[in-house]
Amino acid sequence: MTITPTTPLPAKADARNRAIRTFVQGLITDVLIAVLPVLYEAVSDWDGAFTSEYWTVVGISVLKTLAIAVVSYVMRLQRTPPGNPAA
């Protein structure tokens, strides 16, 4: 099997691709943060799920993910990866 190199994406397209990928990865983590307390409550007597504090933590986690995706986008525009001549 021969792997042929592909043409690098333009910087903005690559930055958008990386930001979306980072956002999705972070969102998966956020969903786990939201689901784990619910699962824990299902198997115990804990009454901490679905309180205002719970939703505050979930909201902050999602905002963190959005901020990291924006930083990923900006950093890609600022720094070209090694071996990628696209600017």
Protein backbone atom coordinates (compact mmCIF):
# COMPACT_ATOMS: atom_id res chain seq x y z
CA MET A 1 0.00 0.00 0.00
CA THR A 2 1.45 3.32 -1.05
CA ILE A 3 0.58 6.46 0.84
CA THR A 4 0.78 9.58 -1.25
CA PRO A 5 1.21 12.96 0.41
CA THR A 6 -1.75 15.26 0.13
CA THR A 7 -1.68 18.94 -0.63
CA PRO A 8 -1.74 20.89 2.63
CA LEU A 9 -4.89 22.82 3.38
CA PRO A 10 -4.76 26.61 3.35
CA ALA A 11 -4.11 28.01 6.84
CA LYS A 12 -7.70 29.16 7.48
CA ALA A 13 -9.20 25.85 6.37
CA ASP A 14 -6.65 23.91 8.43
CA ALA A 15 -7.27 26.16 11.44
CA ARG A 16 -11.03 25.67 11.14
CA ASN A 17 -10.56 21.89 10.81
CA ARG A 18 -8.36 21.80 13.94
CA ALA A 19 -10.74 24.03 15.90
CA ILE A 20 -13.74 21.86 15.03
CA ARG A 21 -11.83 18.70 15.92
CA THR A 22 -10.73 20.23 19.23
CA PHE A 23 -14.30 21.36 19.96
CA VAL A 24 -15.74 17.89 19.30
CA GLN A 25 -13.09 16.22 21.46
CA GLY A 26 -13.78 18.66 24.28
CA LEU A 27 -17.54 18.25 23.88
CA ILE A 28 -17.18 14.50 24.34
CA THR A 29 -15.41 15.20 27.63
CA ASP A 30 -18.16 17.64 28.62
CA VAL A 31 -20.85 15.06 27.92
CA LEU A 32 -19.01 12.60 30.15
CA ILE A 33 -18.82 15.28 32.87
CA ALA A 34 -22.58 15.72 32.55
CA VAL A 35 -23.44 12.01 32.44
CA LEU A 36 -21.20 10.54 35.14
CA PRO A 37 -23.00 12.22 38.08
CA VAL A 38 -26.33 11.02 36.71
CA LEU A 39 -25.04 7.46 36.49
CA TYR A 40 -23.62 7.77 39.99
CA GLU A 41 -26.98 8.99 41.28
CA ALA A 42 -28.71 6.05 39.61
CA VAL A 43 -26.67 3.57 41.64
CA SER A 44 -26.50 5.47 44.93
CA ASP A 45 -28.49 7.79 47.17
CA TRP A 46 -26.65 10.93 46.02
CA ASP A 47 -28.94 13.92 45.36
CA GLY A 48 -26.41 16.18 43.63
CA ALA A 49 -27.51 15.83 39.99
CA PHE A 50 -29.73 18.39 38.31
CA THR A 51 -29.10 21.09 40.92
CA SER A 52 -28.10 24.60 39.92
CA GLU A 53 -24.52 23.81 40.93
CA TYR A 54 -24.54 20.78 38.63
CA TRP A 55 -25.72 22.83 35.64
CA THR A 56 -23.20 25.56 36.47
CA VAL A 57 -20.37 23.01 36.28
CA VAL A 58 -21.69 21.62 32.99
CA GLY A 59 -22.07 25.13 31.55
CA ILE A 60 -18.57 26.17 32.58
CA SER A 61 -17.20 22.96 31.09
CA VAL A 62 -18.87 23.67 27.74
CA LEU A 63 -17.62 27.29 27.78
CA LYS A 64 -14.11 25.97 28.48
CA THR A 65 -14.40 23.71 25.44
CA LEU A 66 -15.48 26.61 23.25
CA ALA A 67 -12.60 28.76 24.51
CA ILE A 68 -10.07 26.00 23.81
CA ALA A 69 -11.43 25.57 20.27
CA VAL A 70 -11.04 29.32 19.63
CA VAL A 71 -7.48 29.24 21.00
CA SER A 72 -6.75 26.24 18.74
CA TYR A 73 -7.99 28.21 15.71
CA VAL A 74 -5.96 31.33 16.55
CA MET A 75 -2.80 29.36 17.35
CA ARG A 76 -2.98 27.52 14.01
CA LEU A 77 -3.23 30.84 12.19
CA GLN A 78 -0.19 32.11 14.11
CA ARG A 79 2.02 29.01 13.87
CA THR A 80 2.45 26.88 10.74
CA PRO A 81 3.07 23.23 11.62
CA PRO A 82 6.46 21.82 10.56
CA GLY A 83 6.33 20.41 7.05
CA ASN A 84 3.22 22.40 6.13
CA PRO A 85 4.15 25.24 3.80
CA ALA A 86 0.56 26.53 3.61
CA ALA A 87 0.24 29.95 5.14
